[in-house]
Amino acid sequence: MATECKLKVEAPLVVRTGEQELTLKAPETLGDSVQAQFEDEAKIKVAEVLREGDTIKLRVDASEAPLGEWELTLRSGTTECKGDVRVATPDSSTR
């Protein structure tokens, strides 16, 4: 049976050209090998997932992402963690 956990994502992604980094606190239940995926409708492409101690860094391309909240899923073995990531315009990301 899969273990589930909840992700808390503080900073939004911004709709802009090129890759950007999203940093998350790694839940203790995730192993060292982590896969990341956004729901298809988000149009956010994950280029790289790096696990550094208790931090997970994602390099993503959100250039085609619609504004709103999109579900991010991190998987490691039988553990699956989900959380919402906000996608904002460059001028609204600091509000």
PDB file of N, CA and C in Angstrom:
ATOM      1  N   MET A   1       0.833  -1.189   0.000  1.00  0.00           N
ATOM      2  CA  MET A   1       0.000   0.000   0.000  1.00  0.00           C
ATOM      3  C   MET A   1       0.876   1.250   0.000  1.00  0.00           C
ATOM      4  N   ALA A   2       0.468   2.246  -0.779  1.00  0.00           N
ATOM      5  CA  ALA A   2       1.255   3.472  -0.912  1.00  0.00           C
ATOM      6  C   ALA A   2       1.095   4.368   0.311  1.00  0.00           C
ATOM      7  N   THR A   3       2.191   5.034   0.663  1.00  0.00           N
ATOM      8  CA  THR A   3       2.178   6.025   1.733  1.00  0.00           C
ATOM      9  C   THR A   3       1.913   7.383   1.101  1.00  0.00           C
ATOM     10  N   GLU A   4       1.029   8.181   1.696  1.00  0.00           N
ATOM     11  CA  GLU A   4       0.721   9.493   1.155  1.00  0.00           C
ATOM     12  C   GLU A   4       1.146  10.583   2.133  1.00  0.00           C
ATOM     13  N   CYS A   5       1.543  11.720   1.581  1.00  0.00           N
ATOM     14  CA  CYS A   5       1.881  12.867   2.415  1.00  0.00           C
ATOM     15  C   CYS A   5       1.518  14.140   1.673  1.00  0.00           C
ATOM     16  N   LYS A   6       1.517  15.244   2.381  1.00  0.00           N
ATOM     17  CA  LYS A   6       1.113  16.542   1.830  1.00  0.00           C
ATOM     18  C   LYS A   6       2.327  17.444   1.691  1.00  0.00           C
ATOM     19  N   LEU A   7       2.422  18.131   0.551  1.00  0.00           N
ATOM     20  CA  LEU A   7       3.489  19.101   0.302  1.00  0.00           C
ATOM     21  C   LEU A   7       2.976  20.498   0.591  1.00  0.00           C
ATOM     22  N   LYS A   8       3.835  21.342   1.142  1.00  0.00           N
ATOM     23  CA  LYS A   8       3.503  22.751   1.315  1.00  0.00           C
ATOM     24  C   LYS A   8       4.471  23.550   0.452  1.00  0.00           C
ATOM     25  N   VAL A   9       3.908  24.248  -0.525  1.00  0.00           N
ATOM     26  CA  VAL A   9       4.723  25.031  -1.450  1.00  0.00           C
ATOM     27  C   VAL A   9       4.469  26.504  -1.168  1.00  0.00           C
ATOM     28  N   GLU A  10       5.530  27.231  -0.817  1.00  0.00           N
ATOM     29  CA  GLU A  10       5.396  28.638  -0.431  1.00  0.00           C
ATOM     30  C   GLU A  10       5.409  29.579  -1.640  1.00  0.00           C
ATOM     31  N   ALA A  11       6.449  29.503  -2.435  1.00  0.00           N
ATOM     32  CA  ALA A  11       6.643  30.467  -3.529  1.00  0.00           C
ATOM     33  C   ALA A  11       5.917  30.017  -4.791  1.00  0.00           C
ATOM     34  N   PRO A  12       5.346  30.966  -5.533  1.00  0.00           N
ATOM     35  CA  PRO A  12       4.687  30.602  -6.794  1.00  0.00           C
ATOM     36  C   PRO A  12       5.689  30.460  -7.936  1.00  0.00           C
ATOM     37  N   LEU A  13       5.257  29.792  -8.985  1.00  0.00           N
ATOM     38  CA  LEU A  13       5.987  29.809 -10.248  1.00  0.00           C
ATOM     39  C   LEU A  13       5.468  31.006 -11.032  1.00  0.00           C
ATOM     40  N   VAL A  14       6.301  31.513 -11.937  1.00  0.00           N
ATOM     41  CA  VAL A  14       5.920  32.664 -12.747  1.00  0.00           C
ATOM     42  C   VAL A  14       5.868  32.232 -14.204  1.00  0.00           C
ATOM     43  N   VAL A  15       4.834  32.684 -14.908  1.00  0.00           N
ATOM     44  CA  VAL A  15       4.747  32.404 -16.334  1.00  0.00           C
ATOM     45  C   VAL A  15       5.787  33.275 -17.032  1.00  0.00           C
ATOM     46  N   ARG A  16       6.839  32.638 -17.524  1.00  0.00           N
ATOM     47  CA  ARG A  16       7.902  33.344 -18.250  1.00  0.00           C
ATOM     48  C   ARG A  16       8.695  32.331 -19.053  1.00  0.00           C
ATOM     49  N   THR A  17       9.451  32.816 -20.012  1.00  0.00           N
ATOM     50  CA  THR A  17      10.270  31.957 -20.857  1.00  0.00           C
ATOM     51  C   THR A  17      11.451  31.434 -20.058  1.00  0.00           C
ATOM     52  N   GLY A  18      11.814  30.186 -20.299  1.00  0.00           N
ATOM     53  CA  GLY A  18      12.987  29.598 -19.669  1.00  0.00           C
ATOM     54  C   GLY A  18      12.655  28.830 -18.403  1.00  0.00           C
ATOM     55  N   GLU A  19      13.663  28.145 -17.887  1.00  0.00           N
ATOM     56  CA  GLU A  19      13.486  27.329 -16.693  1.00  0.00           C
ATOM     57  C   GLU A  19      13.610  28.180 -15.434  1.00  0.00           C
ATOM     58  N   GLN A  20      12.966  27.722 -14.379  1.00  0.00           N
ATOM     59  CA  GLN A  20      13.073  28.354 -13.072  1.00  0.00           C
ATOM     60  C   GLN A  20      13.147  27.269 -12.019  1.00  0.00           C
ATOM     61  N   GLU A  21      13.568  27.646 -10.837  1.00  0.00           N
ATOM     62  CA  GLU A  21      13.769  26.672  -9.770  1.00  0.00           C
ATOM     63  C   GLU A  21      12.653  26.787  -8.736  1.00  0.00           C
ATOM     64  N   LEU A  22      12.165  25.651  -8.305  1.00  0.00           N
ATOM     65  CA  LEU A  22      11.172  25.570  -7.240  1.00  0.00           C
ATOM     66  C   LEU A  22      11.792  24.734  -6.133  1.00  0.00           C
ATOM     67  N   THR A  23      11.915  25.307  -4.933  1.00  0.00           N
ATOM     68  CA  THR A  23      12.548  24.624  -3.810  1.00  0.00           C
ATOM     69  C   THR A  23      11.495  24.223  -2.795  1.00  0.00           C
ATOM     70  N   LEU A  24      11.541  22.966  -2.371  1.00  0.00           N
ATOM     71  CA  LEU A  24      10.581  22.419  -1.417  1.00  0.00           C
ATOM     72  C   LEU A  24      11.307  21.758  -0.263  1.00  0.00           C
ATOM     73  N   LYS A  25      10.678  21.759   0.898  1.00  0.00           N
ATOM     74  CA  LYS A  25      11.190  20.973   2.016  1.00  0.00           C
ATOM     75  C   LYS A  25      10.794  19.524   1.744  1.00  0.00           C
ATOM     76  N   ALA A  26      11.760  18.642   1.781  1.00  0.00           N
ATOM     77  CA  ALA A  26      11.502  17.235   1.478  1.00  0.00           C
ATOM     78  C   ALA A  26      10.810  16.551   2.652  1.00  0.00           C
ATOM     79  N   PRO A  27       9.643  15.965   2.417  1.00  0.00           N
ATOM     80  CA  PRO A  27       9.012  15.180   3.483  1.00  0.00           C
ATOM     81  C   PRO A  27       9.915  14.011   3.883  1.00  0.00           C
ATOM     82  N   GLU A  28       9.954  13.696   5.167  1.00  0.00           N
ATOM     83  CA  GLU A  28      10.819  12.621   5.662  1.00  0.00           C
ATOM     84  C   GLU A  28      10.486  11.268   5.056  1.00  0.00           C
ATOM     85  N   THR A  29       9.256  11.107   4.592  1.00  0.00           N
ATOM     86  CA  THR A  29       8.827   9.810   4.056  1.00  0.00           C
ATOM     87  C   THR A  29       9.340   9.549   2.643  1.00  0.00           C
ATOM     88  N   LEU A  30       9.881  10.573   1.968  1.00  0.00           N
ATOM     89  CA  LEU A  30      10.419  10.372   0.618  1.00  0.00           C
ATOM     90  C   LEU A  30      11.852   9.863   0.685  1.00  0.00           C
ATOM     91  N   GLY A  31      12.169   8.938  -0.202  1.00  0.00           N
ATOM     92  CA  GLY A  31      13.528   8.421  -0.285  1.00  0.00           C
ATOM     93  C   GLY A  31      14.432   9.365  -1.067  1.00  0.00           C
ATOM     94  N   ASP A  32      15.620   8.893  -1.403  1.00  0.00           N
ATOM     95  CA  ASP A  32      16.589   9.728  -2.115  1.00  0.00           C
ATOM     96  C   ASP A  32      16.258   9.905  -3.588  1.00  0.00           C
ATOM     97  N   SER A  33      15.669   8.895  -4.211  1.00  0.00           N
ATOM     98  CA  SER A  33      15.309   8.965  -5.623  1.00  0.00           C
ATOM     99  C   SER A  33      13.872   9.466  -5.736  1.00  0.00           C
ATOM    100  N   VAL A  34      13.712  10.688  -6.261  1.00  0.00           N
ATOM    101  CA  VAL A  34      12.396  11.324  -6.299  1.00  0.00           C
ATOM    102  C   VAL A  34      12.038  11.684  -7.735  1.00  0.00           C
ATOM    103  N   GLN A  35      10.785  11.416  -8.099  1.00  0.00           N
ATOM    104  CA  GLN A  35      10.244  11.830  -9.392  1.00  0.00           C
ATOM    105  C   GLN A  35       9.191  12.886  -9.128  1.00  0.00           C
ATOM    106  N   ALA A  36       9.097  13.885 -10.022  1.00  0.00           N
ATOM    107  CA  ALA A  36       8.118  14.957  -9.874  1.00  0.00           C
ATOM    108  C   ALA A  36       7.276  15.060 -11.127  1.00  0.00           C
ATOM    109  N   GLN A  37       5.972  15.344 -10.925  1.00  0.00           N
ATOM    110  CA  GLN A  37       5.069  15.467 -12.057  1.00  0.00           C
ATOM    111  C   GLN A  37       3.924  16.412 -11.695  1.00  0.00           C
ATOM    112  N   PHE A  38       3.595  17.303 -12.639  1.00  0.00           N
ATOM    113  CA  PHE A  38       2.424  18.158 -12.507  1.00  0.00           C
ATOM    114  C   PHE A  38       1.288  17.542 -13.303  1.00  0.00           C
ATOM    115  N   GLU A  39       0.054  17.877 -12.951  1.00  0.00           N
ATOM    116  CA  GLU A  39      -1.074  17.395 -13.735  1.00  0.00           C
ATOM    117  C   GLU A  39      -0.943  17.930 -15.162  1.00  0.00           C
ATOM    118  N   ASP A  40      -1.429  17.162 -16.148  1.00  0.00           N
ATOM    119  CA  ASP A  40      -1.240  17.493 -17.564  1.00  0.00           C
ATOM    120  C   ASP A  40      -1.734  18.886 -17.936  1.00  0.00           C
ATOM    121  N   GLU A  41      -2.870  19.297 -17.394  1.00  0.00           N
ATOM    122  CA  GLU A  41      -3.456  20.589 -17.739  1.00  0.00           C
ATOM    123  C   GLU A  41      -2.582  21.769 -17.329  1.00  0.00           C
ATOM    124  N   ALA A  42      -1.650  21.543 -16.400  1.00  0.00           N
ATOM    125  CA  ALA A  42      -0.774  22.625 -15.919  1.00  0.00           C
ATOM    126  C   ALA A  42       0.238  23.057 -16.982  1.00  0.00           C
ATOM    127  N   LYS A  43       0.577  22.169 -17.894  1.00  0.00           N
ATOM    128  CA  LYS A  43       1.566  22.449 -18.941  1.00  0.00           C
ATOM    129  C   LYS A  43       2.895  22.915 -18.355  1.00  0.00           C
ATOM    130  N   ILE A  44       3.258  22.349 -17.185  1.00  0.00           N
ATOM    131  CA  ILE A  44       4.545  22.641 -16.544  1.00  0.00           C
ATOM    132  C   ILE A  44       5.438  21.430 -16.752  1.00  0.00           C
ATOM    133  N   LYS A  45       6.591  21.661 -17.366  1.00  0.00           N
ATOM    134  CA  LYS A  45       7.523  20.566 -17.658  1.00  0.00           C
ATOM    135  C   LYS A  45       8.616  20.532 -16.596  1.00  0.00           C
ATOM    136  N   VAL A  46       8.851  19.358 -16.037  1.00  0.00           N
ATOM    137  CA  VAL A  46       9.912  19.184 -15.047  1.00  0.00           C
ATOM    138  C   VAL A  46      11.177  18.740 -15.776  1.00  0.00           C
ATOM    139  N   ALA A  47      12.229  19.549 -15.707  1.00  0.00           N
ATOM    140  CA  ALA A  47      13.487  19.237 -16.381  1.00  0.00           C
ATOM    141  C   ALA A  47      14.420  18.435 -15.495  1.00  0.00           C
ATOM    142  N   GLU A  48      14.389  18.708 -14.170  1.00  0.00           N
ATOM    143  CA  GLU A  48      15.329  18.043 -13.272  1.00  0.00           C
ATOM    144  C   GLU A  48      14.793  18.060 -11.847  1.00  0.00           C
ATOM    145  N   VAL A  49      15.078  16.991 -11.124  1.00  0.00           N
ATOM    146  CA  VAL A  49      14.725  16.888  -9.708  1.00  0.00           C
ATOM    147  C   VAL A  49      16.007  16.592  -8.943  1.00  0.00           C
ATOM    148  N   LEU A  50      16.365  17.452  -8.002  1.00  0.00           N
ATOM    149  CA  LEU A  50      17.576  17.261  -7.194  1.00  0.00           C
ATOM    150  C   LEU A  50      17.191  17.135  -5.734  1.00  0.00           C
ATOM    151  N   ARG A  51      17.695  16.097  -5.078  1.00  0.00           N
ATOM    152  CA  ARG A  51      17.480  15.928  -3.644  1.00  0.00           C
ATOM    153  C   ARG A  51      18.778  16.305  -2.951  1.00  0.00           C
ATOM    154  N   GLU A  52      18.718  17.319  -2.087  1.00  0.00           N
ATOM    155  CA  GLU A  52      19.895  17.769  -1.340  1.00  0.00           C
ATOM    156  C   GLU A  52      19.525  17.800   0.134  1.00  0.00           C
ATOM    157  N   GLY A  53      19.813  16.717   0.844  1.00  0.00           N
ATOM    158  CA  GLY A  53      19.460  16.634   2.258  1.00  0.00           C
ATOM    159  C   GLY A  53      17.963  16.705   2.462  1.00  0.00           C
ATOM    160  N   ASP A  54      17.496  17.723   3.195  1.00  0.00           N
ATOM    161  CA  ASP A  54      16.060  17.838   3.443  1.00  0.00           C
ATOM    162  C   ASP A  54      15.388  18.816   2.476  1.00  0.00           C
ATOM    163  N   THR A  55      16.047  19.068   1.337  1.00  0.00           N
ATOM    164  CA  THR A  55      15.515  19.975   0.322  1.00  0.00           C
ATOM    165  C   THR A  55      15.395  19.256  -1.018  1.00  0.00           C
ATOM    166  N   ILE A  56      14.316  19.553  -1.725  1.00  0.00           N
ATOM    167  CA  ILE A  56      14.143  19.076  -3.096  1.00  0.00           C
ATOM    168  C   ILE A  56      14.067  20.301  -3.985  1.00  0.00           C
ATOM    169  N   LYS A  57      14.907  20.319  -5.016  1.00  0.00           N
ATOM    170  CA  LYS A  57      14.907  21.425  -5.965  1.00  0.00           C
ATOM    171  C   LYS A  57      14.430  20.898  -7.316  1.00  0.00           C
ATOM    172  N   LEU A  58      13.428  21.574  -7.859  1.00  0.00           N
ATOM    173  CA  LEU A  58      12.911  21.225  -9.180  1.00  0.00           C
ATOM    174  C   LEU A  58      13.294  22.323 -10.152  1.00  0.00           C
ATOM    175  N   ARG A  59      13.798  21.938 -11.319  1.00  0.00           N
ATOM    176  CA  ARG A  59      13.983  22.874 -12.423  1.00  0.00           C
ATOM    177  C   ARG A  59      12.817  22.638 -13.359  1.00  0.00           C
ATOM    178  N   VAL A  60      12.014  23.679 -13.566  1.00  0.00           N
ATOM    179  CA  VAL A  60      10.795  23.518 -14.351  1.00  0.00           C
ATOM    180  C   VAL A  60      10.670  24.608 -15.404  1.00  0.00           C
ATOM    181  N   ASP A  61       9.870  24.310 -16.427  1.00  0.00           N
ATOM    182  CA  ASP A  61       9.526  25.268 -17.470  1.00  0.00           C
ATOM    183  C   ASP A  61       8.023  25.509 -17.359  1.00  0.00           C
ATOM    184  N   ALA A  62       7.654  26.722 -16.950  1.00  0.00           N
ATOM    185  CA  ALA A  62       6.241  27.084 -16.802  1.00  0.00           C
ATOM    186  C   ALA A  62       5.822  28.115 -17.850  1.00  0.00           C
ATOM    187  N   SER A  63       6.544  28.166 -18.974  1.00  0.00           N
ATOM    188  CA  SER A  63       6.288  29.202 -19.979  1.00  0.00           C
ATOM    189  C   SER A  63       4.908  29.079 -20.627  1.00  0.00           C
ATOM    190  N   GLU A  64       4.322  27.886 -20.631  1.00  0.00           N
ATOM    191  CA  GLU A  64       3.000  27.696 -21.232  1.00  0.00           C
ATOM    192  C   GLU A  64       1.920  27.425 -20.189  1.00  0.00           C
ATOM    193  N   ALA A  65       2.250  27.578 -18.926  1.00  0.00           N
ATOM    194  CA  ALA A  65       1.312  27.238 -17.851  1.00  0.00           C
ATOM    195  C   ALA A  65       0.193  28.266 -17.730  1.00  0.00           C
ATOM    196  N   PRO A  66      -1.044  27.791 -17.591  1.00  0.00           N
ATOM    197  CA  PRO A  66      -2.144  28.714 -17.309  1.00  0.00           C
ATOM    198  C   PRO A  66      -2.051  29.196 -15.856  1.00  0.00           C
ATOM    199  N   LEU A  67      -2.555  30.386 -15.589  1.00  0.00           N
ATOM    200  CA  LEU A  67      -2.568  30.911 -14.229  1.00  0.00           C
ATOM    201  C   LEU A  67      -3.485  30.061 -13.359  1.00  0.00           C
ATOM    202  N   GLY A  68      -3.154  29.975 -12.075  1.00  0.00           N
ATOM    203  CA  GLY A  68      -3.994  29.220 -11.142  1.00  0.00           C
ATOM    204  C   GLY A  68      -3.164  28.314 -10.255  1.00  0.00           C
ATOM    205  N   GLU A  69      -3.841  27.384  -9.596  1.00  0.00           N
ATOM    206  CA  GLU A  69      -3.180  26.411  -8.716  1.00  0.00           C
ATOM    207  C   GLU A  69      -3.190  25.055  -9.391  1.00  0.00           C
ATOM    208  N   TRP A  70      -2.030  24.389  -9.377  1.00  0.00           N
ATOM    209  CA  TRP A  70      -1.884  23.102 -10.050  1.00  0.00           C
ATOM    210  C   TRP A  70      -1.261  22.102  -9.106  1.00  0.00           C
ATOM    211  N   GLU A  71      -1.720  20.867  -9.211  1.00  0.00           N
ATOM    212  CA  GLU A  71      -1.228  19.826  -8.309  1.00  0.00           C
ATOM    213  C   GLU A  71       0.130  19.292  -8.754  1.00  0.00           C
ATOM    214  N   LEU A  72       1.047  19.252  -7.803  1.00  0.00           N
ATOM    215  CA  LEU A  72       2.376  18.671  -7.986  1.00  0.00           C
ATOM    216  C   LEU A  72       2.415  17.369  -7.197  1.00  0.00           C
ATOM    217  N   THR A  73       2.930  16.315  -7.824  1.00  0.00           N
ATOM    218  CA  THR A  73       3.086  15.029  -7.151  1.00  0.00           C
ATOM    219  C   THR A  73       4.562  14.653  -7.144  1.00  0.00           C
ATOM    220  N   LEU A  74       5.090  14.331  -5.958  1.00  0.00           N
ATOM    221  CA  LEU A  74       6.441  13.791  -5.817  1.00  0.00           C
ATOM    222  C   LEU A  74       6.299  12.322  -5.452  1.00  0.00           C
ATOM    223  N   ARG A  75       7.053  11.461  -6.139  1.00  0.00           N
ATOM    224  CA  ARG A  75       7.002  10.023  -5.876  1.00  0.00           C
ATOM    225  C   ARG A  75       8.394   9.490  -5.573  1.00  0.00           C
ATOM    226  N   SER A  76       8.424   8.577  -4.607  1.00  0.00           N
ATOM    227  CA  SER A  76       9.658   7.885  -4.266  1.00  0.00           C
ATOM    228  C   SER A  76       9.253   6.512  -3.749  1.00  0.00           C
ATOM    229  N   GLY A  77       9.553   5.486  -4.540  1.00  0.00           N
ATOM    230  CA  GLY A  77       9.133   4.139  -4.152  1.00  0.00           C
ATOM    231  C   GLY A  77       7.621   4.075  -4.053  1.00  0.00           C
ATOM    232  N   THR A  78       7.104   3.675  -2.889  1.00  0.00           N
ATOM    233  CA  THR A  78       5.655   3.597  -2.709  1.00  0.00           C
ATOM    234  C   THR A  78       5.089   4.840  -2.022  1.00  0.00           C
ATOM    235  N   THR A  79       5.902   5.866  -1.847  1.00  0.00           N
ATOM    236  CA  THR A  79       5.447   7.095  -1.207  1.00  0.00           C
ATOM    237  C   THR A  79       5.079   8.130  -2.260  1.00  0.00           C
ATOM    238  N   GLU A  80       3.948   8.781  -2.056  1.00  0.00           N
ATOM    239  CA  GLU A  80       3.469   9.806  -2.970  1.00  0.00           C
ATOM    240  C   GLU A  80       3.047  11.025  -2.152  1.00  0.00           C
ATOM    241  N   CYS A  81       3.635  12.188  -2.474  1.00  0.00           N
ATOM    242  CA  CYS A  81       3.306  13.430  -1.779  1.00  0.00           C
ATOM    243  C   CYS A  81       2.721  14.415  -2.778  1.00  0.00           C
ATOM    244  N   LYS A  82       1.626  15.083  -2.370  1.00  0.00           N
ATOM    245  CA  LYS A  82       0.953  16.014  -3.269  1.00  0.00           C
ATOM    246  C   LYS A  82       0.791  17.368  -2.612  1.00  0.00           C
ATOM    247  N   GLY A  83       0.815  18.397  -3.461  1.00  0.00           N
ATOM    248  CA  GLY A  83       0.583  19.756  -2.989  1.00  0.00           C
ATOM    249  C   GLY A  83       0.278  20.652  -4.164  1.00  0.00           C
ATOM    250  N   ASP A  84      -0.289  21.804  -3.884  1.00  0.00           N
ATOM    251  CA  ASP A  84      -0.639  22.742  -4.940  1.00  0.00           C
ATOM    252  C   ASP A  84       0.445  23.790  -5.115  1.00  0.00           C
ATOM    253  N   VAL A  85       0.725  24.100  -6.379  1.00  0.00           N
ATOM    254  CA  VAL A  85       1.688  25.135  -6.739  1.00  0.00           C
ATOM    255  C   VAL A  85       0.925  26.224  -7.473  1.00  0.00           C
ATOM    256  N   ARG A  86       1.102  27.458  -7.036  1.00  0.00           N
ATOM    257  CA  ARG A  86       0.428  28.580  -7.692  1.00  0.00           C
ATOM    258  C   ARG A  86       1.278  29.067  -8.857  1.00  0.00           C
ATOM    259  N   VAL A  87       0.622  29.334  -9.984  1.00  0.00           N
ATOM    260  CA  VAL A  87       1.271  29.925 -11.149  1.00  0.00           C
ATOM    261  C   VAL A  87       0.715  31.337 -11.289  1.00  0.00           C
ATOM    262  N   ALA A  88       1.626  32.309 -11.316  1.00  0.00           N
ATOM    263  CA  ALA A  88       1.236  33.719 -11.326  1.00  0.00           C
ATOM    264  C   ALA A  88       1.920  34.460 -12.470  1.00  0.00           C
ATOM    265  N   THR A  89       1.447  35.656 -12.734  1.00  0.00           N
ATOM    266  CA  THR A  89       2.121  36.526 -13.690  1.00  0.00           C
ATOM    267  C   THR A  89       3.314  37.155 -12.971  1.00  0.00           C
ATOM    268  N   PRO A  90       4.320  37.613 -13.705  1.00  0.00           N
ATOM    269  CA  PRO A  90       5.512  38.179 -13.047  1.00  0.00           C
ATOM    270  C   PRO A  90       5.192  39.313 -12.078  1.00  0.00           C
ATOM    271  N   ASP A  91       4.218  40.157 -12.376  1.00  0.00           N
ATOM    272  CA  ASP A  91       3.936  41.286 -11.489  1.00  0.00           C
ATOM    273  C   ASP A  91       3.086  40.924 -10.271  1.00  0.00           C
ATOM    274  N   SER A  92       2.465  39.732 -10.254  1.00  0.00           N
ATOM    275  CA  SER A  92       1.637  39.353  -9.103  1.00  0.00           C
ATOM    276  C   SER A  92       2.305  38.322  -8.205  1.00  0.00           C
ATOM    277  N   SER A  93       3.504  37.867  -8.531  1.00  0.00           N
ATOM    278  CA  SER A  93       4.145  36.786  -7.781  1.00  0.00           C
ATOM    279  C   SER A  93       4.613  37.212  -6.399  1.00  0.00           C
ATOM    280  N   THR A  94       4.757  38.495  -6.158  1.00  0.00           N
ATOM    281  CA  THR A  94       5.239  38.946  -4.842  1.00  0.00           C
ATOM    282  C   THR A  94       4.108  39.335  -3.902  1.00  0.00           C
ATOM    283  N   ARG A  95       2.868  39.256  -4.369  1.00  0.00           N
ATOM    284  CA  ARG A  95       1.717  39.639  -3.532  1.00  0.00           C
ATOM    285  C   ARG A  95       1.282  38.514  -2.631  1.00  0.00           C
TER     286      ARG A  95
END
